[in-house]
């Protein structure tokens, strides 16, 4: 089992920055291969924001390229999403996703709210 816990969300003004963290715990946390960030805005479907694949280039949604940076500290079992130049349309609940290498089991965090508003 793996537990993913996000933190770092909040209210920020347009143009501001936030850093989200996703801490993995549980017996299988070192079996996590792919990690990703998704978001879901009110009334919209959940969408992929960034995907971190071991030994590959991190993939970003076009809407966040050049503004968001996803990273991962394997030793700490933590993933990060640095969000700069935030826009009102970035307002959403942000979810952390992890997938194990063995068994390809998917896990989701509970989500953290990000609100971009003046």
PDB file of N, CA and C in Angstrom:
ATOM      1  N   UNK A   1       0.834  -1.195   0.000  1.00  0.00           N
ATOM      2  CA  UNK A   1       0.000   0.000   0.000  1.00  0.00           C
ATOM      3  C   UNK A   1       0.873   1.252   0.000  1.00  0.00           C
ATOM      4  N   UNK A   2       0.338   2.308  -0.600  1.00  0.00           N
ATOM      5  CA  UNK A   2       1.008   3.597  -0.656  1.00  0.00           C
ATOM      6  C   UNK A   2       0.001   4.673  -0.268  1.00  0.00           C
ATOM      7  N   UNK A   3       0.436   5.609   0.531  1.00  0.00           N
ATOM      8  CA  UNK A   3      -0.367   6.781   0.840  1.00  0.00           C
ATOM      9  C   UNK A   3       0.340   8.007   0.278  1.00  0.00           C
ATOM     10  N   UNK A   4      -0.428   8.848  -0.388  1.00  0.00           N
ATOM     11  CA  UNK A   4       0.090  10.086  -0.951  1.00  0.00           C
ATOM     12  C   UNK A   4      -0.635  11.249  -0.281  1.00  0.00           C
ATOM     13  N   UNK A   5       0.124  12.188   0.245  1.00  0.00           N
ATOM     14  CA  UNK A   5      -0.461  13.329   0.935  1.00  0.00           C
ATOM     15  C   UNK A   5       0.084  14.614   0.341  1.00  0.00           C
ATOM     16  N   UNK A   6      -0.799  15.425  -0.225  1.00  0.00           N
ATOM     17  CA  UNK A   6      -0.404  16.700  -0.799  1.00  0.00           C
ATOM     18  C   UNK A   6      -0.461  17.804   0.247  1.00  0.00           C
ATOM     19  N   UNK A   7       0.334  18.821   0.027  1.00  0.00           N
ATOM     20  CA  UNK A   7       0.317  20.011   0.870  1.00  0.00           C
ATOM     21  C   UNK A   7       0.813  21.194   0.055  1.00  0.00           C
ATOM     22  N   UNK A   8       0.602  22.385   0.579  1.00  0.00           N
ATOM     23  CA  UNK A   8       1.132  23.582  -0.066  1.00  0.00           C
ATOM     24  C   UNK A   8       0.116  24.419  -0.822  1.00  0.00           C
ATOM     25  N   UNK A   9      -1.115  23.956  -0.902  1.00  0.00           N
ATOM     26  CA  UNK A   9      -2.129  24.740  -1.597  1.00  0.00           C
ATOM     27  C   UNK A   9      -2.539  25.969  -0.792  1.00  0.00           C
ATOM     28  N   UNK A  10      -3.329  26.818  -1.427  1.00  0.00           N
ATOM     29  CA  UNK A  10      -3.792  28.018  -0.739  1.00  0.00           C
ATOM     30  C   UNK A  10      -4.287  29.058  -1.704  1.00  0.00           C
ATOM     31  N   UNK A  11      -4.435  30.270  -1.189  1.00  0.00           N
ATOM     32  CA  UNK A  11      -4.893  31.401  -1.981  1.00  0.00           C
ATOM     33  C   UNK A  11      -3.697  32.259  -2.374  1.00  0.00           C
ATOM     34  N   UNK A  12      -3.608  32.593  -3.641  1.00  0.00           N
ATOM     35  CA  UNK A  12      -2.498  33.408  -4.125  1.00  0.00           C
ATOM     36  C   UNK A  12      -3.019  34.375  -5.174  1.00  0.00           C
ATOM     37  N   UNK A  13      -2.398  35.530  -5.282  1.00  0.00           N
ATOM     38  CA  UNK A  13      -2.802  36.520  -6.277  1.00  0.00           C
ATOM     39  C   UNK A  13      -2.264  36.143  -7.657  1.00  0.00           C
ATOM     40  N   UNK A  14      -2.922  36.596  -8.703  1.00  0.00           N
ATOM     41  CA  UNK A  14      -2.400  36.351 -10.048  1.00  0.00           C
ATOM     42  C   UNK A  14      -0.957  36.834 -10.168  1.00  0.00           C
ATOM     43  N   UNK A  15      -0.144  36.024 -10.827  1.00  0.00           N
ATOM     44  CA  UNK A  15       1.270  36.330 -10.953  1.00  0.00           C
ATOM     45  C   UNK A  15       2.123  35.771  -9.829  1.00  0.00           C
ATOM     46  N   UNK A  16       1.491  35.257  -8.802  1.00  0.00           N
ATOM     47  CA  UNK A  16       2.213  34.726  -7.663  1.00  0.00           C
ATOM     48  C   UNK A  16       2.678  33.296  -7.870  1.00  0.00           C
ATOM     49  N   UNK A  17       3.267  32.740  -6.816  1.00  0.00           N
ATOM     50  CA  UNK A  17       3.829  31.385  -6.885  1.00  0.00           C
ATOM     51  C   UNK A  17       3.372  30.548  -5.698  1.00  0.00           C
ATOM     52  N   UNK A  18       3.336  29.256  -5.935  1.00  0.00           N
ATOM     53  CA  UNK A  18       3.083  28.272  -4.878  1.00  0.00           C
ATOM     54  C   UNK A  18       3.919  27.038  -5.170  1.00  0.00           C
ATOM     55  N   UNK A  19       4.263  26.323  -4.119  1.00  0.00           N
ATOM     56  CA  UNK A  19       4.971  25.050  -4.282  1.00  0.00           C
ATOM     57  C   UNK A  19       4.173  23.964  -3.586  1.00  0.00           C
ATOM     58  N   UNK A  20       3.723  23.017  -4.369  1.00  0.00           N
ATOM     59  CA  UNK A  20       2.999  21.883  -3.822  1.00  0.00           C
ATOM     60  C   UNK A  20       3.964  20.740  -3.541  1.00  0.00           C
ATOM     61  N   UNK A  21       3.669  20.000  -2.496  1.00  0.00           N
ATOM     62  CA  UNK A  21       4.455  18.814  -2.160  1.00  0.00           C
ATOM     63  C   UNK A  21       3.540  17.604  -2.093  1.00  0.00           C
ATOM     64  N   UNK A  22       4.095  16.449  -2.401  1.00  0.00           N
ATOM     65  CA  UNK A  22       3.369  15.191  -2.309  1.00  0.00           C
ATOM     66  C   UNK A  22       4.278  14.188  -1.605  1.00  0.00           C
ATOM     67  N   UNK A  23       3.923  13.839  -0.388  1.00  0.00           N
ATOM     68  CA  UNK A  23       4.734  12.908   0.395  1.00  0.00           C
ATOM     69  C   UNK A  23       4.160  11.505   0.291  1.00  0.00           C
ATOM     70  N   UNK A  24       5.016  10.575  -0.088  1.00  0.00           N
ATOM     71  CA  UNK A  24       4.598   9.181  -0.207  1.00  0.00           C
ATOM     72  C   UNK A  24       5.028   8.400   1.028  1.00  0.00           C
ATOM     73  N   UNK A  25       4.163   7.545   1.502  1.00  0.00           N
ATOM     74  CA  UNK A  25       4.491   6.683   2.628  1.00  0.00           C
ATOM     75  C   UNK A  25       3.859   5.317   2.386  1.00  0.00           C
ATOM     76  N   UNK A  26       4.248   4.379   3.201  1.00  0.00           N
ATOM     77  CA  UNK A  26       3.711   3.034   3.038  1.00  0.00           C
ATOM     78  C   UNK A  26       4.756   2.065   2.542  1.00  0.00           C
ATOM     79  N   UNK A  27       4.444   0.845   2.687  1.00  0.00           N
ATOM     80  CA  UNK A  27       5.390  -0.233   2.403  1.00  0.00           C
ATOM     81  C   UNK A  27       5.871  -0.227   0.958  1.00  0.00           C
ATOM     82  N   UNK A  28       5.011   0.161   0.027  1.00  0.00           N
ATOM     83  CA  UNK A  28       5.358   0.099  -1.389  1.00  0.00           C
ATOM     84  C   UNK A  28       5.880   1.416  -1.950  1.00  0.00           C
ATOM     85  N   UNK A  29       6.187   2.410  -1.092  1.00  0.00           N
ATOM     86  CA  UNK A  29       6.523   3.737  -1.609  1.00  0.00           C
ATOM     87  C   UNK A  29       7.776   3.711  -2.481  1.00  0.00           C
ATOM     88  N   UNK A  30       8.690   2.778  -2.217  1.00  0.00           N
ATOM     89  CA  UNK A  30       9.901   2.729  -3.032  1.00  0.00           C
ATOM     90  C   UNK A  30       9.676   1.954  -4.330  1.00  0.00           C
ATOM     91  N   UNK A  31       8.462   1.446  -4.497  1.00  0.00           N
ATOM     92  CA  UNK A  31       8.097   0.760  -5.725  1.00  0.00           C
ATOM     93  C   UNK A  31       7.408   1.704  -6.709  1.00  0.00           C
ATOM     94  N   UNK A  32       7.277   2.975  -6.331  1.00  0.00           N
ATOM     95  CA  UNK A  32       6.605   3.934  -7.205  1.00  0.00           C
ATOM     96  C   UNK A  32       7.519   4.303  -8.360  1.00  0.00           C
ATOM     97  N   UNK A  33       7.008   4.192  -9.582  1.00  0.00           N
ATOM     98  CA  UNK A  33       7.759   4.588 -10.759  1.00  0.00           C
ATOM     99  C   UNK A  33       7.301   5.955 -11.219  1.00  0.00           C
ATOM    100  N   UNK A  34       6.224   5.986 -11.957  1.00  0.00           N
ATOM    101  CA  UNK A  34       5.684   7.244 -12.470  1.00  0.00           C
ATOM    102  C   UNK A  34       4.974   8.005 -11.346  1.00  0.00           C
ATOM    103  N   UNK A  35       5.249   9.295 -11.290  1.00  0.00           N
ATOM    104  CA  UNK A  35       4.470  10.190 -10.438  1.00  0.00           C
ATOM    105  C   UNK A  35       3.961  11.328 -11.313  1.00  0.00           C
ATOM    106  N   UNK A  36       2.817  11.856 -10.952  1.00  0.00           N
ATOM    107  CA  UNK A  36       2.209  12.895 -11.778  1.00  0.00           C
ATOM    108  C   UNK A  36       1.379  13.828 -10.911  1.00  0.00           C
ATOM    109  N   UNK A  37       1.105  14.982 -11.474  1.00  0.00           N
ATOM    110  CA  UNK A  37       0.194  15.955 -10.881  1.00  0.00           C
ATOM    111  C   UNK A  37      -0.989  16.135 -11.827  1.00  0.00           C
ATOM    112  N   UNK A  38      -2.182  16.071 -11.278  1.00  0.00           N
ATOM    113  CA  UNK A  38      -3.411  16.338 -12.004  1.00  0.00           C
ATOM    114  C   UNK A  38      -4.122  17.491 -11.307  1.00  0.00           C
ATOM    115  N   UNK A  39      -5.083  18.074 -11.994  1.00  0.00           N
ATOM    116  CA  UNK A  39      -5.917  19.086 -11.362  1.00  0.00           C
ATOM    117  C   UNK A  39      -7.347  18.994 -11.890  1.00  0.00           C
ATOM    118  N   UNK A  40      -8.253  19.455 -11.070  1.00  0.00           N
ATOM    119  CA  UNK A  40      -9.659  19.461 -11.460  1.00  0.00           C
ATOM    120  C   UNK A  40     -10.278  20.776 -11.029  1.00  0.00           C
ATOM    121  N   UNK A  41     -10.656  21.554 -12.018  1.00  0.00           N
ATOM    122  CA  UNK A  41     -11.313  22.830 -11.764  1.00  0.00           C
ATOM    123  C   UNK A  41     -12.810  22.599 -11.590  1.00  0.00           C
ATOM    124  N   UNK A  42     -13.490  23.518 -10.924  1.00  0.00           N
ATOM    125  CA  UNK A  42     -14.941  23.349 -10.716  1.00  0.00           C
ATOM    126  C   UNK A  42     -15.682  23.166 -12.032  1.00  0.00           C
ATOM    127  N   UNK A  43     -16.478  22.110 -12.114  1.00  0.00           N
ATOM    128  CA  UNK A  43     -17.275  21.861 -13.300  1.00  0.00           C
ATOM    129  C   UNK A  43     -16.524  21.274 -14.467  1.00  0.00           C
ATOM    130  N   UNK A  44     -15.252  20.929 -14.255  1.00  0.00           N
ATOM    131  CA  UNK A  44     -14.450  20.399 -15.357  1.00  0.00           C
ATOM    132  C   UNK A  44     -13.907  19.019 -15.009  1.00  0.00           C
ATOM    133  N   UNK A  45     -13.441  18.324 -16.035  1.00  0.00           N
ATOM    134  CA  UNK A  45     -12.829  17.015 -15.825  1.00  0.00           C
ATOM    135  C   UNK A  45     -11.430  17.167 -15.243  1.00  0.00           C
ATOM    136  N   UNK A  46     -10.976  16.111 -14.587  1.00  0.00           N
ATOM    137  CA  UNK A  46      -9.603  16.100 -14.087  1.00  0.00           C
ATOM    138  C   UNK A  46      -8.651  16.047 -15.278  1.00  0.00           C
ATOM    139  N   UNK A  47      -7.591  16.844 -15.215  1.00  0.00           N
ATOM    140  CA  UNK A  47      -6.634  16.895 -16.317  1.00  0.00           C
ATOM    141  C   UNK A  47      -5.212  16.725 -15.812  1.00  0.00           C
ATOM    142  N   UNK A  48      -4.380  16.171 -16.685  1.00  0.00           N
ATOM    143  CA  UNK A  48      -2.978  15.975 -16.363  1.00  0.00           C
ATOM    144  C   UNK A  48      -2.236  17.300 -16.428  1.00  0.00           C
ATOM    145  N   UNK A  49      -1.454  17.602 -15.415  1.00  0.00           N
ATOM    146  CA  UNK A  49      -0.644  18.812 -15.379  1.00  0.00           C
ATOM    147  C   UNK A  49       0.811  18.506 -15.725  1.00  0.00           C
ATOM    148  N   UNK A  50       1.371  17.499 -15.070  1.00  0.00           N
ATOM    149  CA  UNK A  50       2.767  17.131 -15.308  1.00  0.00           C
ATOM    150  C   UNK A  50       2.955  15.662 -14.933  1.00  0.00           C
ATOM    151  N   UNK A  51       3.850  14.999 -15.652  1.00  0.00           N
ATOM    152  CA  UNK A  51       4.120  13.586 -15.385  1.00  0.00           C
ATOM    153  C   UNK A  51       5.624  13.371 -15.352  1.00  0.00           C
ATOM    154  N   UNK A  52       6.085  12.790 -14.257  1.00  0.00           N
ATOM    155  CA  UNK A  52       7.512  12.535 -14.056  1.00  0.00           C
ATOM    156  C   UNK A  52       7.732  11.044 -14.276  1.00  0.00           C
ATOM    157  N   UNK A  53       8.499  10.730 -15.308  1.00  0.00           N
ATOM    158  CA  UNK A  53       8.807   9.344 -15.632  1.00  0.00           C
ATOM    159  C   UNK A  53      10.298   9.117 -15.406  1.00  0.00           C
ATOM    160  N   UNK A  54      10.667   8.088 -14.656  1.00  0.00           N
ATOM    161  CA  UNK A  54      12.089   7.838 -14.399  1.00  0.00           C
ATOM    162  C   UNK A  54      12.886   7.722 -15.693  1.00  0.00           C
ATOM    163  N   UNK A  55      14.018   8.395 -15.711  1.00  0.00           N
ATOM    164  CA  UNK A  55      14.940   8.330 -16.843  1.00  0.00           C
ATOM    165  C   UNK A  55      14.302   8.848 -18.135  1.00  0.00           C
ATOM    166  N   UNK A  56      13.359   9.757 -18.011  1.00  0.00           N
ATOM    167  CA  UNK A  56      12.725  10.350 -19.191  1.00  0.00           C
ATOM    168  C   UNK A  56      12.413  11.810 -18.919  1.00  0.00           C
ATOM    169  N   UNK A  57      12.129  12.539 -19.981  1.00  0.00           N
ATOM    170  CA  UNK A  57      11.809  13.952 -19.850  1.00  0.00           C
ATOM    171  C   UNK A  57      10.436  14.124 -19.213  1.00  0.00           C
ATOM    172  N   UNK A  58      10.350  15.038 -18.274  1.00  0.00           N
ATOM    173  CA  UNK A  58       9.060  15.324 -17.648  1.00  0.00           C
ATOM    174  C   UNK A  58       8.122  15.947 -18.672  1.00  0.00           C
ATOM    175  N   UNK A  59       6.890  15.507 -18.654  1.00  0.00           N
ATOM    176  CA  UNK A  59       5.895  15.990 -19.606  1.00  0.00           C
ATOM    177  C   UNK A  59       4.977  16.988 -18.924  1.00  0.00           C
ATOM    178  N   UNK A  60       4.648  18.090 -19.630  1.00  0.00           N
ATOM    179  CA  UNK A  60       3.772  19.125 -19.080  1.00  0.00           C
ATOM    180  C   UNK A  60       2.593  19.380 -20.012  1.00  0.00           C
ATOM    181  N   UNK A  61       1.477  19.744 -19.425  1.00  0.00           N
ATOM    182  CA  UNK A  61       0.359  20.209 -20.230  1.00  0.00           C
ATOM    183  C   UNK A  61       0.746  21.532 -20.886  1.00  0.00           C
ATOM    184  N   UNK A  62       0.255  21.783 -22.070  1.00  0.00           N
ATOM    185  CA  UNK A  62       0.598  23.013 -22.785  1.00  0.00           C
ATOM    186  C   UNK A  62       0.252  24.252 -21.966  1.00  0.00           C
ATOM    187  N   UNK A  63      -0.815  24.181 -21.203  1.00  0.00           N
ATOM    188  CA  UNK A  63      -1.281  25.343 -20.457  1.00  0.00           C
ATOM    189  C   UNK A  63      -0.350  25.764 -19.331  1.00  0.00           C
ATOM    190  N   UNK A  64       0.573  24.876 -18.927  1.00  0.00           N
ATOM    191  CA  UNK A  64       1.473  25.205 -17.810  1.00  0.00           C
ATOM    192  C   UNK A  64       2.937  25.231 -18.208  1.00  0.00           C
ATOM    193  N   UNK A  65       3.242  24.896 -19.446  1.00  0.00           N
ATOM    194  CA  UNK A  65       4.640  24.874 -19.887  1.00  0.00           C
ATOM    195  C   UNK A  65       5.288  26.233 -19.687  1.00  0.00           C
ATOM    196  N   UNK A  66       6.495  26.209 -19.144  1.00  0.00           N
ATOM    197  CA  UNK A  66       7.238  27.435 -18.908  1.00  0.00           C
ATOM    198  C   UNK A  66       6.884  28.113 -17.600  1.00  0.00           C
ATOM    199  N   UNK A  67       5.820  27.671 -16.942  1.00  0.00           N
ATOM    200  CA  UNK A  67       5.411  28.266 -15.662  1.00  0.00           C
ATOM    201  C   UNK A  67       5.525  27.280 -14.508  1.00  0.00           C
ATOM    202  N   UNK A  68       5.256  26.027 -14.764  1.00  0.00           N
ATOM    203  CA  UNK A  68       5.283  25.000 -13.720  1.00  0.00           C
ATOM    204  C   UNK A  68       6.501  24.100 -13.899  1.00  0.00           C
ATOM    205  N   UNK A  69       7.042  23.650 -12.784  1.00  0.00           N
ATOM    206  CA  UNK A  69       8.143  22.700 -12.814  1.00  0.00           C
ATOM    207  C   UNK A  69       7.865  21.570 -11.827  1.00  0.00           C
ATOM    208  N   UNK A  70       7.841  20.343 -12.345  1.00  0.00           N
ATOM    209  CA  UNK A  70       7.629  19.175 -11.494  1.00  0.00           C
ATOM    210  C   UNK A  70       8.962  18.518 -11.209  1.00  0.00           C
ATOM    211  N   UNK A  71       9.133  18.031  -9.999  1.00  0.00           N
ATOM    212  CA  UNK A  71      10.374  17.369  -9.632  1.00  0.00           C
ATOM    213  C   UNK A  71      10.079  16.293  -8.595  1.00  0.00           C
ATOM    214  N   UNK A  72      11.120  15.516  -8.299  1.00  0.00           N
ATOM    215  CA  UNK A  72      10.925  14.412  -7.370  1.00  0.00           C
ATOM    216  C   UNK A  72      12.214  14.159  -6.618  1.00  0.00           C
ATOM    217  N   UNK A  73      12.097  13.957  -5.326  1.00  0.00           N
ATOM    218  CA  UNK A  73      13.219  13.570  -4.478  1.00  0.00           C
ATOM    219  C   UNK A  73      12.953  12.124  -4.060  1.00  0.00           C
ATOM    220  N   UNK A  74      13.616  11.195  -4.758  1.00  0.00           N
ATOM    221  CA  UNK A  74      13.338   9.785  -4.515  1.00  0.00           C
ATOM    222  C   UNK A  74      13.729   9.380  -3.098  1.00  0.00           C
ATOM    223  N   UNK A  75      14.838   9.908  -2.611  1.00  0.00           N
ATOM    224  CA  UNK A  75      15.300   9.545  -1.268  1.00  0.00           C
ATOM    225  C   UNK A  75      14.284   9.948  -0.210  1.00  0.00           C
ATOM    226  N   UNK A  76      13.640  11.085  -0.416  1.00  0.00           N
ATOM    227  CA  UNK A  76      12.634  11.556   0.546  1.00  0.00           C
ATOM    228  C   UNK A  76      11.250  10.997   0.240  1.00  0.00           C
ATOM    229  N   UNK A  77      11.086  10.412  -0.935  1.00  0.00           N
ATOM    230  CA  UNK A  77       9.770   9.907  -1.313  1.00  0.00           C
ATOM    231  C   UNK A  77       8.772  11.020  -1.528  1.00  0.00           C
ATOM    232  N   UNK A  78       9.233  12.137  -2.049  1.00  0.00           N
ATOM    233  CA  UNK A  78       8.393  13.323  -2.191  1.00  0.00           C
ATOM    234  C   UNK A  78       8.482  13.871  -3.607  1.00  0.00           C
ATOM    235  N   UNK A  79       7.330  14.289  -4.120  1.00  0.00           N
ATOM    236  CA  UNK A  79       7.270  14.978  -5.405  1.00  0.00           C
ATOM    237  C   UNK A  79       6.855  16.416  -5.160  1.00  0.00           C
ATOM    238  N   UNK A  80       7.242  17.289  -6.080  1.00  0.00           N
ATOM    239  CA  UNK A  80       6.962  18.710  -5.931  1.00  0.00           C
ATOM    240  C   UNK A  80       6.389  19.262  -7.229  1.00  0.00           C
ATOM    241  N   UNK A  81       5.621  20.321  -7.082  1.00  0.00           N
ATOM    242  CA  UNK A  81       5.156  21.076  -8.237  1.00  0.00           C
ATOM    243  C   UNK A  81       5.346  22.554  -7.924  1.00  0.00           C
ATOM    244  N   UNK A  82       6.344  23.147  -8.543  1.00  0.00           N
ATOM    245  CA  UNK A  82       6.597  24.579  -8.391  1.00  0.00           C
ATOM    246  C   UNK A  82       5.753  25.302  -9.419  1.00  0.00           C
ATOM    247  N   UNK A  83       4.884  26.178  -8.960  1.00  0.00           N
ATOM    248  CA  UNK A  83       3.965  26.887  -9.855  1.00  0.00           C
ATOM    249  C   UNK A  83       4.264  28.381  -9.794  1.00  0.00           C
ATOM    250  N   UNK A  84       4.683  28.935 -10.909  1.00  0.00           N
ATOM    251  CA  UNK A  84       4.998  30.362 -11.002  1.00  0.00           C
ATOM    252  C   UNK A  84       4.038  31.039 -11.974  1.00  0.00           C
ATOM    253  N   UNK A  85       3.995  32.348 -11.904  1.00  0.00           N
ATOM    254  CA  UNK A  85       3.149  33.140 -12.809  1.00  0.00           C
ATOM    255  C   UNK A  85       1.728  32.580 -12.852  1.00  0.00           C
ATOM    256  N   UNK A  86       1.174  32.354 -11.686  1.00  0.00           N
ATOM    257  CA  UNK A  86      -0.143  31.726 -11.608  1.00  0.00           C
ATOM    258  C   UNK A  86      -1.231  32.619 -12.185  1.00  0.00           C
ATOM    259  N   UNK A  87      -2.200  31.968 -12.790  1.00  0.00           N
ATOM    260  CA  UNK A  87      -3.318  32.655 -13.419  1.00  0.00           C
ATOM    261  C   UNK A  87      -4.628  32.200 -12.768  1.00  0.00           C
ATOM    262  N   UNK A  88      -5.680  33.003 -12.860  1.00  0.00           N
ATOM    263  CA  UNK A  88      -6.965  32.569 -12.293  1.00  0.00           C
ATOM    264  C   UNK A  88      -7.419  31.214 -12.833  1.00  0.00           C
ATOM    265  N   UNK A  89      -7.091  30.926 -14.080  1.00  0.00           N
ATOM    266  CA  UNK A  89      -7.517  29.648 -14.662  1.00  0.00           C
ATOM    267  C   UNK A  89      -6.734  28.454 -14.110  1.00  0.00           C
ATOM    268  N   UNK A  90      -5.733  28.710 -13.287  1.00  0.00           N
ATOM    269  CA  UNK A  90      -5.029  27.616 -12.600  1.00  0.00           C
ATOM    270  C   UNK A  90      -5.765  27.180 -11.333  1.00  0.00           C
ATOM    271  N   UNK A  91      -6.809  27.905 -10.977  1.00  0.00           N
ATOM    272  CA  UNK A  91      -7.594  27.546  -9.802  1.00  0.00           C
ATOM    273  C   UNK A  91      -8.195  26.154  -9.964  1.00  0.00           C
ATOM    274  N   UNK A  92      -7.912  25.286  -9.003  1.00  0.00           N
ATOM    275  CA  UNK A  92      -8.367  23.893  -9.091  1.00  0.00           C
ATOM    276  C   UNK A  92      -7.951  23.156  -7.823  1.00  0.00           C
ATOM    277  N   UNK A  93      -8.439  21.947  -7.709  1.00  0.00           N
ATOM    278  CA  UNK A  93      -7.908  21.011  -6.720  1.00  0.00           C
ATOM    279  C   UNK A  93      -6.803  20.227  -7.414  1.00  0.00           C
ATOM    280  N   UNK A  94      -5.642  20.222  -6.821  1.00  0.00           N
ATOM    281  CA  UNK A  94      -4.480  19.548  -7.402  1.00  0.00           C
ATOM    282  C   UNK A  94      -4.257  18.211  -6.697  1.00  0.00           C
ATOM    283  N   UNK A  95      -4.108  17.176  -7.513  1.00  0.00           N
ATOM    284  CA  UNK A  95      -3.965  15.812  -6.999  1.00  0.00           C
ATOM    285  C   UNK A  95      -2.609  15.231  -7.383  1.00  0.00           C
ATOM    286  N   UNK A  96      -2.042  14.502  -6.462  1.00  0.00           N
ATOM    287  CA  UNK A  96      -0.822  13.747  -6.716  1.00  0.00           C
ATOM    288  C   UNK A  96      -1.190  12.322  -7.113  1.00  0.00           C
ATOM    289  N   UNK A  97      -0.452  11.787  -8.052  1.00  0.00           N
ATOM    290  CA  UNK A  97      -0.689  10.432  -8.557  1.00  0.00           C
ATOM    291  C   UNK A  97       0.617   9.656  -8.548  1.00  0.00           C
ATOM    292  N   UNK A  98       0.542   8.413  -8.124  1.00  0.00           N
ATOM    293  CA  UNK A  98       1.720   7.553  -8.166  1.00  0.00           C
ATOM    294  C   UNK A  98       1.343   6.177  -8.684  1.00  0.00           C
ATOM    295  N   UNK A  99       2.233   5.591  -9.446  1.00  0.00           N
ATOM    296  CA  UNK A  99       1.984   4.262 -10.010  1.00  0.00           C
ATOM    297  C   UNK A  99       3.174   3.369  -9.717  1.00  0.00           C
ATOM    298  N   UNK A 100       2.900   2.205  -9.167  1.00  0.00           N
ATOM    299  CA  UNK A 100       4.005   1.310  -8.835  1.00  0.00           C
ATOM    300  C   UNK A 100       4.589   0.675 -10.083  1.00  0.00           C
ATOM    301  N   UNK A 101       5.857   0.332 -10.000  1.00  0.00           N
ATOM    302  CA  UNK A 101       6.526  -0.336 -11.115  1.00  0.00           C
ATOM    303  C   UNK A 101       6.037  -1.775 -11.219  1.00  0.00           C
ATOM    304  N   UNK A 102       6.032  -2.466 -10.090  1.00  0.00           N
ATOM    305  CA  UNK A 102       5.580  -3.848 -10.045  1.00  0.00           C
ATOM    306  C   UNK A 102       4.072  -3.848  -9.804  1.00  0.00           C
ATOM    307  N   UNK A 103       3.333  -4.368 -10.732  1.00  0.00           N
ATOM    308  CA  UNK A 103       1.887  -4.436 -10.584  1.00  0.00           C
ATOM    309  C   UNK A 103       1.140  -3.253 -11.153  1.00  0.00           C
ATOM    310  N   UNK A 104       1.851  -2.184 -11.469  1.00  0.00           N
ATOM    311  CA  UNK A 104       1.269  -0.943 -12.006  1.00  0.00           C
ATOM    312  C   UNK A 104      -0.003  -0.546 -11.258  1.00  0.00           C
ATOM    313  N   UNK A 105       0.072  -0.541  -9.943  1.00  0.00           N
ATOM    314  CA  UNK A 105      -1.060  -0.120  -9.129  1.00  0.00           C
ATOM    315  C   UNK A 105      -1.019   1.394  -9.002  1.00  0.00           C
ATOM    316  N   UNK A 106      -2.171   2.032  -9.169  1.00  0.00           N
ATOM    317  CA  UNK A 106      -2.261   3.494  -9.122  1.00  0.00           C
ATOM    318  C   UNK A 106      -2.781   3.966  -7.771  1.00  0.00           C
ATOM    319  N   UNK A 107      -2.203   5.054  -7.299  1.00  0.00           N
ATOM    320  CA  UNK A 107      -2.620   5.664  -6.042  1.00  0.00           C
ATOM    321  C   UNK A 107      -2.842   7.149  -6.261  1.00  0.00           C
ATOM    322  N   UNK A 108      -3.790   7.698  -5.514  1.00  0.00           N
ATOM    323  CA  UNK A 108      -4.113   9.118  -5.572  1.00  0.00           C
ATOM    324  C   UNK A 108      -4.050   9.731  -4.187  1.00  0.00           C
ATOM    325  N   UNK A 109      -3.619  10.984  -4.150  1.00  0.00           N
ATOM    326  CA  UNK A 109      -3.717  11.748  -2.928  1.00  0.00           C
ATOM    327  C   UNK A 109      -5.119  12.304  -2.769  1.00  0.00           C
ATOM    328  N   UNK A 110      -5.343  12.994  -1.669  1.00  0.00           N
ATOM    329  CA  UNK A 110      -6.676  13.520  -1.368  1.00  0.00           C
ATOM    330  C   UNK A 110      -6.920  14.867  -2.040  1.00  0.00           C
ATOM    331  N   UNK A 111      -5.872  15.485  -2.526  1.00  0.00           N
ATOM    332  CA  UNK A 111      -6.004  16.768  -3.210  1.00  0.00           C
ATOM    333  C   UNK A 111      -5.734  17.953  -2.300  1.00  0.00           C
ATOM    334  N   UNK A 112      -5.250  19.019  -2.920  1.00  0.00           N
ATOM    335  CA  UNK A 112      -5.028  20.272  -2.202  1.00  0.00           C
ATOM    336  C   UNK A 112      -5.570  21.411  -3.072  1.00  0.00           C
ATOM    337  N   UNK A 113      -6.261  22.348  -2.449  1.00  0.00           N
ATOM    338  CA  UNK A 113      -6.920  23.419  -3.180  1.00  0.00           C
ATOM    339  C   UNK A 113      -5.950  24.548  -3.494  1.00  0.00           C
ATOM    340  N   UNK A 114      -6.003  24.999  -4.723  1.00  0.00           N
ATOM    341  CA  UNK A 114      -5.248  26.177  -5.151  1.00  0.00           C
ATOM    342  C   UNK A 114      -6.247  27.173  -5.725  1.00  0.00           C
ATOM    343  N   UNK A 115      -6.244  28.373  -5.165  1.00  0.00           N
ATOM    344  CA  UNK A 115      -7.124  29.438  -5.652  1.00  0.00           C
ATOM    345  C   UNK A 115      -6.278  30.632  -6.043  1.00  0.00           C
ATOM    346  N   UNK A 116      -6.423  31.054  -7.284  1.00  0.00           N
ATOM    347  CA  UNK A 116      -5.687  32.215  -7.792  1.00  0.00           C
ATOM    348  C   UNK A 116      -6.697  33.330  -8.021  1.00  0.00           C
ATOM    349  N   UNK A 117      -6.608  34.333  -7.174  1.00  0.00           N
ATOM    350  CA  UNK A 117      -7.599  35.405  -7.238  1.00  0.00           C
ATOM    351  C   UNK A 117      -7.051  36.659  -6.571  1.00  0.00           C
ATOM    352  N   UNK A 118      -7.474  37.806  -7.095  1.00  0.00           N
ATOM    353  CA  UNK A 118      -7.082  39.066  -6.475  1.00  0.00           C
ATOM    354  C   UNK A 118      -8.143  39.522  -5.482  1.00  0.00           C
TER     355      UNK A 118
END
